Amino acid sequence: MHIMNKMIYFILFAVALVFTSCSETSGEQDEFANWKERNDAYFTSIYTKAKQAADNGDSQWKVIRSYSKKDGSIDCNDYIVVEVLAKGAGDVCPLYTDSVKMHYSGSLIPSVTYTEGLKFDASWTGDYNLLTMQPAKGVVSNFVDGFATALMHMKTGDRWRVYMPYTLGYGKSERDNIPAYSTLIFDLTLADVWQARR
């Protein structure tokens, strides 16, 4: 009888463990359910808002065609959306072959668990403070199209929130902790630019 009770407790424990695991897994799957559709809707919404604001003369918003897309494209997925957070004092925009120093924080669109969007990468920790942050370095041409496009339109000291559709980010492929079809949102500050040797 004692062995039978132990067996029953073990079976009940195992069943409870299975149900717990399933509920956690389904919760994780729900986080990114209909991910492509949600990202498409989110980007279209922010694009429409920015386009209307920019067309009405609001300099806080910009809609910029990717350098890799044809002139005159009417597909919103060929554009990045920029919210200007601060204007810098610089007067030169980096070229495709130039190197840059920058501060950045990248996140996904808001979701059930991550109301501010899941942060997937950043060049700083803690508060945004230019006096204590160390910039990251890179060559413009090494970045995804949306990120490179933003850099080539920024001037030193500019701080932008950049929204890019998945077509100008990592596309249909999953990358590290970034699901496929993800709109990428960057808090981006251009700290310095230097030209490639000619």
N, C-alpha and C. Protein backbone atom coordinates (compact mmCIF):
# COMPACT_ATOMS: atom_id res chain seq x y z
N MET A 1 0.83 -1.20 0.00
CA MET A 1 0.00 0.00 0.00
C MET A 1 0.87 1.26 0.00
N HIS A 2 1.93 1.24 0.79
CA HIS A 2 2.84 2.37 0.89
C HIS A 2 3.49 2.66 -0.48
N ILE A 3 3.89 1.58 -1.17
CA ILE A 3 4.49 1.74 -2.50
C ILE A 3 3.46 2.28 -3.49
N MET A 4 2.23 1.82 -3.36
CA MET A 4 1.15 2.29 -4.25
C MET A 4 0.91 3.79 -4.06
N ASN A 5 0.92 4.28 -2.82
CA ASN A 5 0.74 5.71 -2.55
C ASN A 5 1.86 6.52 -3.17
N LYS A 6 3.09 6.02 -3.05
CA LYS A 6 4.23 6.72 -3.64
C LYS A 6 4.09 6.80 -5.16
N MET A 7 3.63 5.69 -5.75
CA MET A 7 3.42 5.64 -7.18
C MET A 7 2.38 6.66 -7.62
N ILE A 8 1.28 6.76 -6.88
CA ILE A 8 0.21 7.71 -7.21
C ILE A 8 0.73 9.14 -7.10
N TYR A 9 1.48 9.44 -6.04
CA TYR A 9 2.04 10.78 -5.87
C TYR A 9 3.01 11.11 -7.00
N PHE A 10 3.80 10.16 -7.39
CA PHE A 10 4.76 10.37 -8.48
C PHE A 10 4.03 10.68 -9.78
N ILE A 11 2.97 9.90 -10.07
CA ILE A 11 2.20 10.12 -11.30
C ILE A 11 1.52 11.49 -11.28
N LEU A 12 0.93 11.87 -10.14
CA LEU A 12 0.29 13.19 -10.03
C LEU A 12 1.31 14.31 -10.21
N PHE A 13 2.49 14.14 -9.62
CA PHE A 13 3.56 15.14 -9.77
C PHE A 13 3.99 15.27 -11.23
N ALA A 14 4.14 14.13 -11.90
CA ALA A 14 4.55 14.13 -13.30
C ALA A 14 3.50 14.81 -14.18
N VAL A 15 2.23 14.52 -13.94
CA VAL A 15 1.15 15.13 -14.71
C VAL A 15 1.13 16.65 -14.48
N ALA A 16 1.28 17.07 -13.23
CA ALA A 16 1.29 18.51 -12.91
C ALA A 16 2.47 19.19 -13.61
N LEU A 17 3.61 18.53 -13.64
CA LEU A 17 4.79 19.08 -14.30
C LEU A 17 4.55 19.25 -15.80
N VAL A 18 3.92 18.27 -16.42
CA VAL A 18 3.63 18.35 -17.84
C VAL A 18 2.69 19.51 -18.13
N PHE A 19 1.62 19.66 -17.32
CA PHE A 19 0.68 20.77 -17.54
C PHE A 19 1.36 22.12 -17.35
N THR A 20 2.23 22.23 -16.35
CA THR A 20 2.95 23.47 -16.11
C THR A 20 3.85 23.80 -17.28
N SER A 21 4.57 22.80 -17.78
CA SER A 21 5.47 23.01 -18.92
C SER A 21 4.68 23.45 -20.14
N CYS A 22 3.54 22.81 -20.38
CA CYS A 22 2.74 23.16 -21.55
C CYS A 22 2.23 24.59 -21.46
N SER A 23 1.80 25.01 -20.27
CA SER A 23 1.26 26.36 -20.14
C SER A 23 2.36 27.39 -20.33
N GLU A 24 3.59 27.09 -19.86
CA GLU A 24 4.69 28.02 -20.07
C GLU A 24 5.04 28.10 -21.55
N THR A 25 5.07 26.96 -22.21
CA THR A 25 5.40 26.94 -23.63
C THR A 25 4.36 27.69 -24.44
N SER A 26 3.08 27.43 -24.14
CA SER A 26 2.04 28.11 -24.91
C SER A 26 2.07 29.61 -24.65
N GLY A 27 2.46 30.02 -23.43
CA GLY A 27 2.59 31.45 -23.13
C GLY A 27 3.69 32.08 -23.97
N GLU A 28 4.82 31.37 -24.12
CA GLU A 28 5.91 31.88 -24.93
C GLU A 28 5.48 31.97 -26.40
N GLN A 29 4.74 30.99 -26.87
CA GLN A 29 4.30 31.01 -28.25
C GLN A 29 3.31 32.15 -28.48
N ASP A 30 2.45 32.43 -27.49
CA ASP A 30 1.48 33.51 -27.61
C ASP A 30 2.17 34.87 -27.75
N GLU A 31 3.34 35.01 -27.14
CA GLU A 31 4.08 36.27 -27.18
C GLU A 31 4.34 36.72 -28.63
N PHE A 32 4.58 35.75 -29.50
CA PHE A 32 4.89 36.08 -30.89
C PHE A 32 3.84 35.52 -31.87
N ALA A 33 2.65 35.26 -31.37
CA ALA A 33 1.56 34.78 -32.24
C ALA A 33 1.21 35.84 -33.27
N ASN A 34 0.93 35.41 -34.51
CA ASN A 34 0.61 36.33 -35.61
C ASN A 34 1.65 37.44 -35.74
N TRP A 35 2.89 37.10 -35.54
CA TRP A 35 3.97 38.08 -35.45
C TRP A 35 4.12 38.91 -36.73
N LYS A 36 4.10 38.28 -37.88
CA LYS A 36 4.24 39.02 -39.13
C LYS A 36 3.10 40.02 -39.29
N GLU A 37 1.86 39.57 -39.08
CA GLU A 37 0.71 40.45 -39.24
C GLU A 37 0.77 41.61 -38.25
N ARG A 38 1.14 41.32 -37.00
CA ARG A 38 1.23 42.38 -35.99
C ARG A 38 2.31 43.40 -36.35
N ASN A 39 3.44 42.91 -36.85
CA ASN A 39 4.52 43.82 -37.24
C ASN A 39 4.15 44.64 -38.46
N ASP A 40 3.50 44.01 -39.44
CA ASP A 40 3.04 44.76 -40.62
C ASP A 40 2.08 45.88 -40.21
N ALA A 41 1.12 45.55 -39.35
CA ALA A 41 0.13 46.55 -38.91
C ALA A 41 0.80 47.66 -38.12
N TYR A 42 1.74 47.30 -37.24
CA TYR A 42 2.43 48.30 -36.41
C TYR A 42 3.21 49.26 -37.30
N PHE A 43 4.01 48.71 -38.23
CA PHE A 43 4.83 49.60 -39.06
C PHE A 43 3.96 50.47 -39.97
N THR A 44 2.92 49.90 -40.56
CA THR A 44 2.03 50.69 -41.41
C THR A 44 1.41 51.84 -40.63
N SER A 45 1.04 51.58 -39.38
CA SER A 45 0.45 52.61 -38.53
C SER A 45 1.44 53.74 -38.25
N ILE A 46 2.67 53.38 -37.87
CA ILE A 46 3.67 54.41 -37.54
C ILE A 46 4.09 55.16 -38.81
N TYR A 47 4.14 54.47 -39.93
CA TYR A 47 4.47 55.10 -41.22
C TYR A 47 3.40 56.14 -41.59
N THR A 48 2.13 55.75 -41.47
CA THR A 48 1.02 56.65 -41.81
C THR A 48 1.04 57.88 -40.91
N LYS A 49 1.24 57.67 -39.62
CA LYS A 49 1.30 58.79 -38.67
C LYS A 49 2.44 59.74 -39.02
N ALA A 50 3.62 59.19 -39.29
CA ALA A 50 4.79 60.02 -39.59
C ALA A 50 4.63 60.75 -40.91
N LYS A 51 4.08 60.08 -41.91
CA LYS A 51 3.90 60.69 -43.24
C LYS A 51 2.94 61.88 -43.13
N GLN A 52 1.84 61.69 -42.41
CA GLN A 52 0.88 62.79 -42.24
C GLN A 52 1.52 63.96 -41.49
N ALA A 53 2.26 63.64 -40.43
CA ALA A 53 2.91 64.70 -39.65
C ALA A 53 3.93 65.45 -40.50
N ALA A 54 4.79 64.70 -41.22
CA ALA A 54 5.82 65.33 -42.06
C ALA A 54 5.18 66.17 -43.17
N ASP A 55 4.11 65.65 -43.79
CA ASP A 55 3.42 66.40 -44.85
C ASP A 55 2.80 67.68 -44.32
N ASN A 56 2.49 67.71 -43.02
CA ASN A 56 1.91 68.91 -42.40
C ASN A 56 2.98 69.82 -41.79
N GLY A 57 4.26 69.54 -42.10
CA GLY A 57 5.34 70.42 -41.67
C GLY A 57 5.93 70.13 -40.31
N ASP A 58 5.56 69.00 -39.70
CA ASP A 58 6.10 68.64 -38.39
C ASP A 58 7.51 68.08 -38.57
N SER A 59 8.53 68.85 -38.16
CA SER A 59 9.93 68.44 -38.36
C SER A 59 10.38 67.36 -37.38
N GLN A 60 9.52 66.99 -36.45
CA GLN A 60 9.88 65.93 -35.51
C GLN A 60 9.81 64.55 -36.18
N TRP A 61 9.09 64.45 -37.29
CA TRP A 61 8.91 63.17 -37.99
C TRP A 61 9.49 63.24 -39.40
N LYS A 62 10.12 62.13 -39.81
CA LYS A 62 10.67 62.00 -41.16
C LYS A 62 10.33 60.61 -41.70
N VAL A 63 10.11 60.54 -42.99
CA VAL A 63 9.95 59.27 -43.69
C VAL A 63 11.03 59.27 -44.77
N ILE A 64 11.96 58.32 -44.68
CA ILE A 64 13.14 58.31 -45.55
C ILE A 64 13.21 57.00 -46.33
N ARG A 65 13.30 57.14 -47.65
CA ARG A 65 13.43 55.96 -48.50
C ARG A 65 14.80 55.32 -48.29
N SER A 66 14.84 54.00 -48.23
CA SER A 66 16.10 53.28 -48.08
C SER A 66 16.98 53.54 -49.29
N TYR A 67 18.27 53.68 -49.03
CA TYR A 67 19.23 53.91 -50.12
C TYR A 67 19.19 52.75 -51.13
N SER A 68 18.73 51.58 -50.70
CA SER A 68 18.76 50.38 -51.55
C SER A 68 17.49 50.22 -52.40
N LYS A 69 16.54 51.14 -52.27
CA LYS A 69 15.27 51.04 -52.99
C LYS A 69 15.17 52.11 -54.08
N LYS A 70 14.31 51.87 -55.05
CA LYS A 70 14.19 52.77 -56.20
C LYS A 70 13.49 54.07 -55.83
N ASP A 71 13.90 55.15 -56.50
CA ASP A 71 13.22 56.44 -56.35
C ASP A 71 11.75 56.28 -56.69
N GLY A 72 10.90 57.00 -55.98
CA GLY A 72 9.48 57.02 -56.29
C GLY A 72 8.70 55.83 -55.80
N SER A 73 9.32 54.95 -55.02
CA SER A 73 8.61 53.78 -54.51
C SER A 73 7.45 54.22 -53.62
N ILE A 74 6.31 53.55 -53.77
CA ILE A 74 5.15 53.86 -52.92
C ILE A 74 4.91 52.78 -51.87
N ASP A 75 5.79 51.80 -51.81
CA ASP A 75 5.67 50.72 -50.82
C ASP A 75 6.26 51.21 -49.50
N CYS A 76 5.44 51.27 -48.45
CA CYS A 76 5.94 51.79 -47.16
C CYS A 76 7.09 50.94 -46.62
N ASN A 77 7.19 49.69 -47.05
CA ASN A 77 8.28 48.83 -46.58
C ASN A 77 9.63 49.17 -47.20
N ASP A 78 9.67 50.16 -48.08
CA ASP A 78 10.92 50.65 -48.66
C ASP A 78 11.45 51.85 -47.89
N TYR A 79 10.78 52.20 -46.79
CA TYR A 79 11.11 53.41 -46.04
C TYR A 79 11.37 53.11 -44.57
N ILE A 80 12.18 53.98 -43.95
CA ILE A 80 12.28 53.98 -42.50
C ILE A 80 11.49 55.18 -41.99
N VAL A 81 11.07 55.11 -40.76
CA VAL A 81 10.38 56.22 -40.11
C VAL A 81 11.27 56.72 -38.98
N VAL A 82 11.39 58.03 -38.89
CA VAL A 82 12.26 58.64 -37.89
C VAL A 82 11.47 59.60 -37.03
N GLU A 83 11.64 59.46 -35.73
CA GLU A 83 11.16 60.47 -34.78
C GLU A 83 12.39 61.17 -34.24
N VAL A 84 12.52 62.47 -34.49
CA VAL A 84 13.69 63.23 -34.07
C VAL A 84 13.56 63.52 -32.57
N LEU A 85 14.51 62.99 -31.78
CA LEU A 85 14.50 63.21 -30.33
C LEU A 85 15.37 64.40 -29.94
N ALA A 86 16.45 64.64 -30.71
CA ALA A 86 17.33 65.79 -30.47
C ALA A 86 18.11 66.07 -31.75
N LYS A 87 18.32 67.37 -32.02
CA LYS A 87 19.10 67.76 -33.19
C LYS A 87 20.53 68.05 -32.75
N GLY A 88 21.47 67.52 -33.53
CA GLY A 88 22.88 67.75 -33.22
C GLY A 88 23.40 69.01 -33.88
N ALA A 89 24.65 69.34 -33.54
CA ALA A 89 25.28 70.55 -34.08
C ALA A 89 26.15 70.24 -35.29
N GLY A 90 26.28 68.97 -35.65
CA GLY A 90 27.12 68.58 -36.78
C GLY A 90 26.53 69.04 -38.10
N ASP A 91 27.39 69.02 -39.16
CA ASP A 91 26.90 69.45 -40.47
C ASP A 91 27.23 68.46 -41.58
N VAL A 92 27.79 67.29 -41.23
CA VAL A 92 28.15 66.29 -42.24
C VAL A 92 27.44 64.98 -41.95
N CYS A 93 26.86 64.39 -42.98
CA CYS A 93 26.24 63.07 -42.86
C CYS A 93 27.25 62.01 -43.31
N PRO A 94 27.30 60.86 -42.64
CA PRO A 94 28.23 59.81 -43.06
C PRO A 94 27.87 59.28 -44.45
N LEU A 95 28.89 58.85 -45.17
CA LEU A 95 28.71 58.16 -46.44
C LEU A 95 28.67 56.66 -46.17
N TYR A 96 28.27 55.90 -47.16
CA TYR A 96 28.14 54.45 -47.04
C TYR A 96 29.45 53.78 -46.61
N THR A 97 30.58 54.35 -47.03
CA THR A 97 31.89 53.74 -46.73
C THR A 97 32.53 54.32 -45.47
N ASP A 98 31.89 55.29 -44.83
CA ASP A 98 32.47 55.93 -43.65
C ASP A 98 32.31 55.09 -42.40
N SER A 99 33.14 55.40 -41.42
CA SER A 99 33.05 54.78 -40.10
C SER A 99 32.36 55.74 -39.15
N VAL A 100 31.70 55.18 -38.14
CA VAL A 100 30.94 56.02 -37.20
C VAL A 100 31.16 55.53 -35.77
N LYS A 101 30.93 56.45 -34.85
CA LYS A 101 30.76 56.12 -33.44
C LYS A 101 29.32 56.47 -33.11
N MET A 102 28.66 55.60 -32.37
CA MET A 102 27.23 55.81 -32.12
C MET A 102 26.82 55.17 -30.81
N HIS A 103 25.68 55.60 -30.32
CA HIS A 103 25.02 54.98 -29.17
C HIS A 103 23.69 54.44 -29.69
N TYR A 104 23.36 53.21 -29.33
CA TYR A 104 22.11 52.64 -29.85
C TYR A 104 21.50 51.68 -28.84
N SER A 105 20.19 51.58 -28.92
CA SER A 105 19.43 50.59 -28.16
C SER A 105 18.33 50.08 -29.07
N GLY A 106 18.30 48.77 -29.31
CA GLY A 106 17.34 48.19 -30.24
C GLY A 106 16.28 47.38 -29.53
N SER A 107 15.04 47.52 -29.98
CA SER A 107 13.94 46.75 -29.38
C SER A 107 12.94 46.34 -30.46
N LEU A 108 12.06 45.41 -30.07
CA LEU A 108 10.98 44.96 -30.93
C LEU A 108 9.73 45.78 -30.63
N ILE A 109 8.65 45.51 -31.35
CA ILE A 109 7.40 46.23 -31.11
C ILE A 109 6.83 45.84 -29.75
N PRO A 110 6.00 46.69 -29.15
CA PRO A 110 5.37 46.34 -27.87
C PRO A 110 4.57 45.04 -27.98
N SER A 111 4.55 44.28 -26.88
CA SER A 111 3.81 43.01 -26.87
C SER A 111 3.18 42.82 -25.50
N VAL A 112 2.57 41.68 -25.29
CA VAL A 112 1.88 41.40 -24.03
C VAL A 112 2.83 41.51 -22.84
N THR A 113 3.96 40.85 -22.93
CA THR A 113 4.92 40.84 -21.82
C THR A 113 5.80 42.08 -21.81
N TYR A 114 6.20 42.55 -23.00
CA TYR A 114 7.14 43.67 -23.11
C TYR A 114 6.40 44.89 -23.65
N THR A 115 5.80 45.66 -22.76
CA THR A 115 5.00 46.80 -23.19
C THR A 115 5.84 47.90 -23.84
N GLU A 116 7.13 47.93 -23.53
CA GLU A 116 8.05 48.88 -24.17
C GLU A 116 8.77 48.23 -25.35
N GLY A 117 8.47 46.96 -25.62
CA GLY A 117 9.18 46.21 -26.66
C GLY A 117 10.37 45.50 -26.06
N LEU A 118 10.58 44.26 -26.44
CA LEU A 118 11.72 43.49 -25.96
C LEU A 118 13.02 44.09 -26.47
N LYS A 119 13.90 44.50 -25.54
CA LYS A 119 15.20 45.05 -25.95
C LYS A 119 16.11 43.89 -26.33
N PHE A 120 16.66 43.93 -27.54
CA PHE A 120 17.51 42.83 -28.00
C PHE A 120 18.98 43.19 -28.05
N ASP A 121 19.33 44.47 -27.99
CA ASP A 121 20.74 44.87 -28.03
C ASP A 121 20.85 46.34 -27.63
N ALA A 122 21.98 46.71 -27.07
CA ALA A 122 22.22 48.11 -26.71
C ALA A 122 23.71 48.33 -26.51
N SER A 123 24.15 49.54 -26.79
CA SER A 123 25.55 49.89 -26.59
C SER A 123 25.79 50.50 -25.21
N TRP A 124 24.72 50.71 -24.44
CA TRP A 124 24.87 51.24 -23.10
C TRP A 124 23.94 50.50 -22.14
N THR A 125 24.26 50.61 -20.87
CA THR A 125 23.38 50.08 -19.82
C THR A 125 22.99 51.24 -18.91
N GLY A 126 21.89 51.06 -18.21
CA GLY A 126 21.43 52.11 -17.31
C GLY A 126 20.80 53.26 -18.08
N ASP A 127 20.87 54.45 -17.48
CA ASP A 127 20.25 55.62 -18.08
C ASP A 127 21.03 56.14 -19.28
N TYR A 128 20.31 56.80 -20.18
CA TYR A 128 20.95 57.46 -21.32
C TYR A 128 21.67 58.69 -20.80
N ASN A 129 23.02 58.67 -20.85
CA ASN A 129 23.81 59.79 -20.35
C ASN A 129 25.07 59.88 -21.20
N LEU A 130 25.15 60.87 -22.06
CA LEU A 130 26.28 61.00 -22.97
C LEU A 130 27.61 61.18 -22.26
N LEU A 131 27.59 61.63 -21.01
CA LEU A 131 28.83 61.83 -20.26
C LEU A 131 29.43 60.51 -19.78
N THR A 132 28.60 59.49 -19.64
CA THR A 132 29.11 58.22 -19.11
C THR A 132 29.07 57.07 -20.12
N MET A 133 28.33 57.22 -21.21
CA MET A 133 28.20 56.13 -22.19
C MET A 133 29.43 56.07 -23.09
N GLN A 134 29.84 54.87 -23.43
CA GLN A 134 30.93 54.65 -24.39
C GLN A 134 30.32 54.29 -25.74
N PRO A 135 30.67 55.00 -26.82
CA PRO A 135 30.04 54.71 -28.11
C PRO A 135 30.55 53.41 -28.73
N ALA A 136 29.70 52.79 -29.52
CA ALA A 136 30.09 51.64 -30.33
C ALA A 136 30.64 52.18 -31.65
N LYS A 137 31.49 51.39 -32.30
CA LYS A 137 32.08 51.79 -33.58
C LYS A 137 31.62 50.84 -34.68
N GLY A 138 31.54 51.34 -35.90
CA GLY A 138 31.19 50.49 -37.02
C GLY A 138 31.33 51.23 -38.34
N VAL A 139 31.25 50.46 -39.41
CA VAL A 139 31.27 51.01 -40.76
C VAL A 139 29.83 50.96 -41.28
N VAL A 140 29.37 52.06 -41.83
CA VAL A 140 27.97 52.17 -42.25
C VAL A 140 27.55 50.99 -43.13
N SER A 141 28.40 50.60 -44.05
CA SER A 141 28.07 49.55 -45.02
C SER A 141 27.88 48.17 -44.38
N ASN A 142 28.30 48.00 -43.13
CA ASN A 142 28.19 46.70 -42.45
C ASN A 142 26.83 46.49 -41.79
N PHE A 143 25.98 47.50 -41.78
CA PHE A 143 24.70 47.41 -41.08
C PHE A 143 23.57 47.06 -42.05
N VAL A 144 22.45 46.58 -41.48
CA VAL A 144 21.27 46.30 -42.30
C VAL A 144 20.81 47.59 -42.97
N ASP A 145 20.07 47.45 -44.08
CA ASP A 145 19.70 48.61 -44.90
C ASP A 145 19.02 49.74 -44.11
N GLY A 146 18.10 49.39 -43.23
CA GLY A 146 17.39 50.42 -42.48
C GLY A 146 18.30 51.22 -41.56
N PHE A 147 19.20 50.52 -40.89
CA PHE A 147 20.14 51.16 -39.97
C PHE A 147 21.12 52.04 -40.75
N ALA A 148 21.67 51.51 -41.86
CA ALA A 148 22.60 52.27 -42.69
C ALA A 148 21.92 53.51 -43.27
N THR A 149 20.67 53.37 -43.70
CA THR A 149 19.93 54.51 -44.24
C THR A 149 19.80 55.61 -43.20
N ALA A 150 19.46 55.23 -41.98
CA ALA A 150 19.34 56.24 -40.91
C ALA A 150 20.66 56.96 -40.70
N LEU A 151 21.74 56.20 -40.56
CA LEU A 151 23.05 56.82 -40.31
C LEU A 151 23.43 57.80 -41.42
N MET A 152 23.13 57.45 -42.68
CA MET A 152 23.54 58.31 -43.80
C MET A 152 22.71 59.60 -43.89
N HIS A 153 21.68 59.72 -43.07
CA HIS A 153 20.88 60.95 -43.05
C HIS A 153 21.06 61.74 -41.74
N MET A 154 21.85 61.20 -40.83
CA MET A 154 22.05 61.86 -39.54
C MET A 154 23.28 62.77 -39.58
N LYS A 155 23.27 63.74 -38.69
CA LYS A 155 24.44 64.59 -38.47
C LYS A 155 24.93 64.37 -37.05
N THR A 156 26.20 64.64 -36.81
CA THR A 156 26.77 64.40 -35.50
C THR A 156 25.95 65.08 -34.41
N GLY A 157 25.61 64.30 -33.39
CA GLY A 157 24.82 64.82 -32.28
C GLY A 157 23.34 64.53 -32.40
N ASP A 158 22.88 64.16 -33.59
CA ASP A 158 21.46 63.82 -33.76
C ASP A 158 21.11 62.58 -32.94
N ARG A 159 19.95 62.63 -32.31
CA ARG A 159 19.40 61.46 -31.63
C ARG A 159 18.02 61.18 -32.22
N TRP A 160 17.86 60.01 -32.80
CA TRP A 160 16.63 59.63 -33.48
C TRP A 160 16.07 58.34 -32.90
N ARG A 161 14.74 58.21 -32.95
CA ARG A 161 14.11 56.91 -32.77
C ARG A 161 13.76 56.45 -34.19
N VAL A 162 14.35 55.34 -34.59
CA VAL A 162 14.22 54.85 -35.96
C VAL A 162 13.38 53.57 -35.97
N TYR A 163 12.36 53.57 -36.81
CA TYR A 163 11.50 52.40 -37.00
C TYR A 163 11.79 51.85 -38.40
N MET A 164 12.11 50.57 -38.47
CA MET A 164 12.37 49.99 -39.79
C MET A 164 11.59 48.70 -39.97
N PRO A 165 10.96 48.53 -41.14
CA PRO A 165 10.20 47.30 -41.39
C PRO A 165 11.16 46.12 -41.50
N TYR A 166 10.63 44.93 -41.35
CA TYR A 166 11.49 43.75 -41.40
C TYR A 166 12.24 43.64 -42.73
N THR A 167 11.66 44.20 -43.81
CA THR A 167 12.32 44.13 -45.11
C THR A 167 13.63 44.91 -45.14
N LEU A 168 13.80 45.87 -44.24
CA LEU A 168 15.04 46.65 -44.16
C LEU A 168 15.86 46.26 -42.93
N GLY A 169 15.40 45.20 -42.24
CA GLY A 169 16.11 44.69 -41.07
C GLY A 169 16.64 43.30 -41.37
N TYR A 170 16.15 42.30 -40.61
CA TYR A 170 16.63 40.93 -40.78
C TYR A 170 15.69 40.08 -41.63
N GLY A 171 14.65 40.68 -42.19
CA GLY A 171 13.80 40.01 -43.15
C GLY A 171 13.03 38.82 -42.60
N LYS A 172 12.99 37.76 -43.39
CA LYS A 172 12.21 36.57 -43.07
C LYS A 172 12.99 35.59 -42.21
N SER A 173 14.20 35.97 -41.79
CA SER A 173 15.05 35.07 -41.02
C SER A 173 15.08 35.46 -39.55
N GLU A 174 15.13 34.45 -38.68
CA GLU A 174 15.32 34.70 -37.26
C GLU A 174 16.80 34.98 -37.03
N ARG A 175 17.08 35.90 -36.12
CA ARG A 175 18.48 36.23 -35.84
C ARG A 175 18.65 36.35 -34.34
N ASP A 176 19.46 35.48 -33.75
CA ASP A 176 19.65 35.44 -32.30
C ASP A 176 18.30 35.44 -31.61
N ASN A 177 17.99 36.49 -30.83
CA ASN A 177 16.71 36.54 -30.12
C ASN A 177 15.69 37.44 -30.84
N ILE A 178 15.89 37.66 -32.14
CA ILE A 178 14.98 38.48 -32.94
C ILE A 178 14.19 37.55 -33.86
N PRO A 179 12.87 37.45 -33.67
CA PRO A 179 12.07 36.58 -34.54
C PRO A 179 12.04 37.10 -35.98
N ALA A 180 11.77 36.20 -36.92
CA ALA A 180 11.59 36.61 -38.32
C ALA A 180 10.44 37.61 -38.40
N TYR A 181 10.47 38.45 -39.40
CA TYR A 181 9.44 39.45 -39.70
C TYR A 181 9.34 40.54 -38.63
N SER A 182 10.42 40.82 -37.94
CA SER A 182 10.38 41.81 -36.86
C SER A 182 10.65 43.23 -37.35
N THR A 183 9.76 44.14 -36.99
CA THR A 183 10.04 45.57 -37.10
C THR A 183 11.10 45.88 -36.05
N LEU A 184 12.14 46.62 -36.43
CA LEU A 184 13.19 46.98 -35.48
C LEU A 184 13.04 48.45 -35.11
N ILE A 185 13.19 48.74 -33.83
CA ILE A 185 13.07 50.11 -33.32
C ILE A 185 14.37 50.45 -32.60
N PHE A 186 15.04 51.49 -33.06
CA PHE A 186 16.32 51.87 -32.46
C PHE A 186 16.27 53.29 -31.90
N ASP A 187 16.81 53.45 -30.70
CA ASP A 187 17.16 54.76 -30.16
C ASP A 187 18.61 54.94 -30.58
N LEU A 188 18.87 55.87 -31.49
CA LEU A 188 20.17 55.96 -32.15
C LEU A 188 20.72 57.38 -32.07
N THR A 189 21.96 57.51 -31.60
CA THR A 189 22.64 58.80 -31.55
C THR A 189 23.95 58.69 -32.32
N LEU A 190 24.17 59.60 -33.25
CA LEU A 190 25.42 59.62 -34.00
C LEU A 190 26.42 60.48 -33.23
N ALA A 191 27.50 59.85 -32.77
CA ALA A 191 28.49 60.56 -31.94
C ALA A 191 29.65 61.13 -32.75
N ASP A 192 30.07 60.41 -33.79
CA ASP A 192 31.23 60.88 -34.57
C ASP A 192 31.26 60.17 -35.92
N VAL A 193 31.95 60.80 -36.88
CA VAL A 193 32.09 60.25 -38.23
C VAL A 193 33.51 60.45 -38.70
N TRP A 194 34.08 59.47 -39.35
CA TRP A 194 35.34 59.70 -40.04
C TRP A 194 35.34 58.93 -41.35
N GLN A 195 35.97 59.56 -42.34
CA GLN A 195 35.90 59.02 -43.70
C GLN A 195 36.85 57.85 -43.89
N ALA A 196 36.43 56.96 -44.79
CA ALA A 196 37.32 55.87 -45.19
C ALA A 196 38.47 56.47 -45.98
N ARG A 197 39.61 55.81 -45.93
CA ARG A 197 40.75 56.32 -46.72
C ARG A 197 40.44 56.19 -48.19
N ARG A 198 40.67 57.23 -48.90
CA ARG A 198 40.36 57.25 -50.33
C ARG A 198 41.59 56.85 -51.13
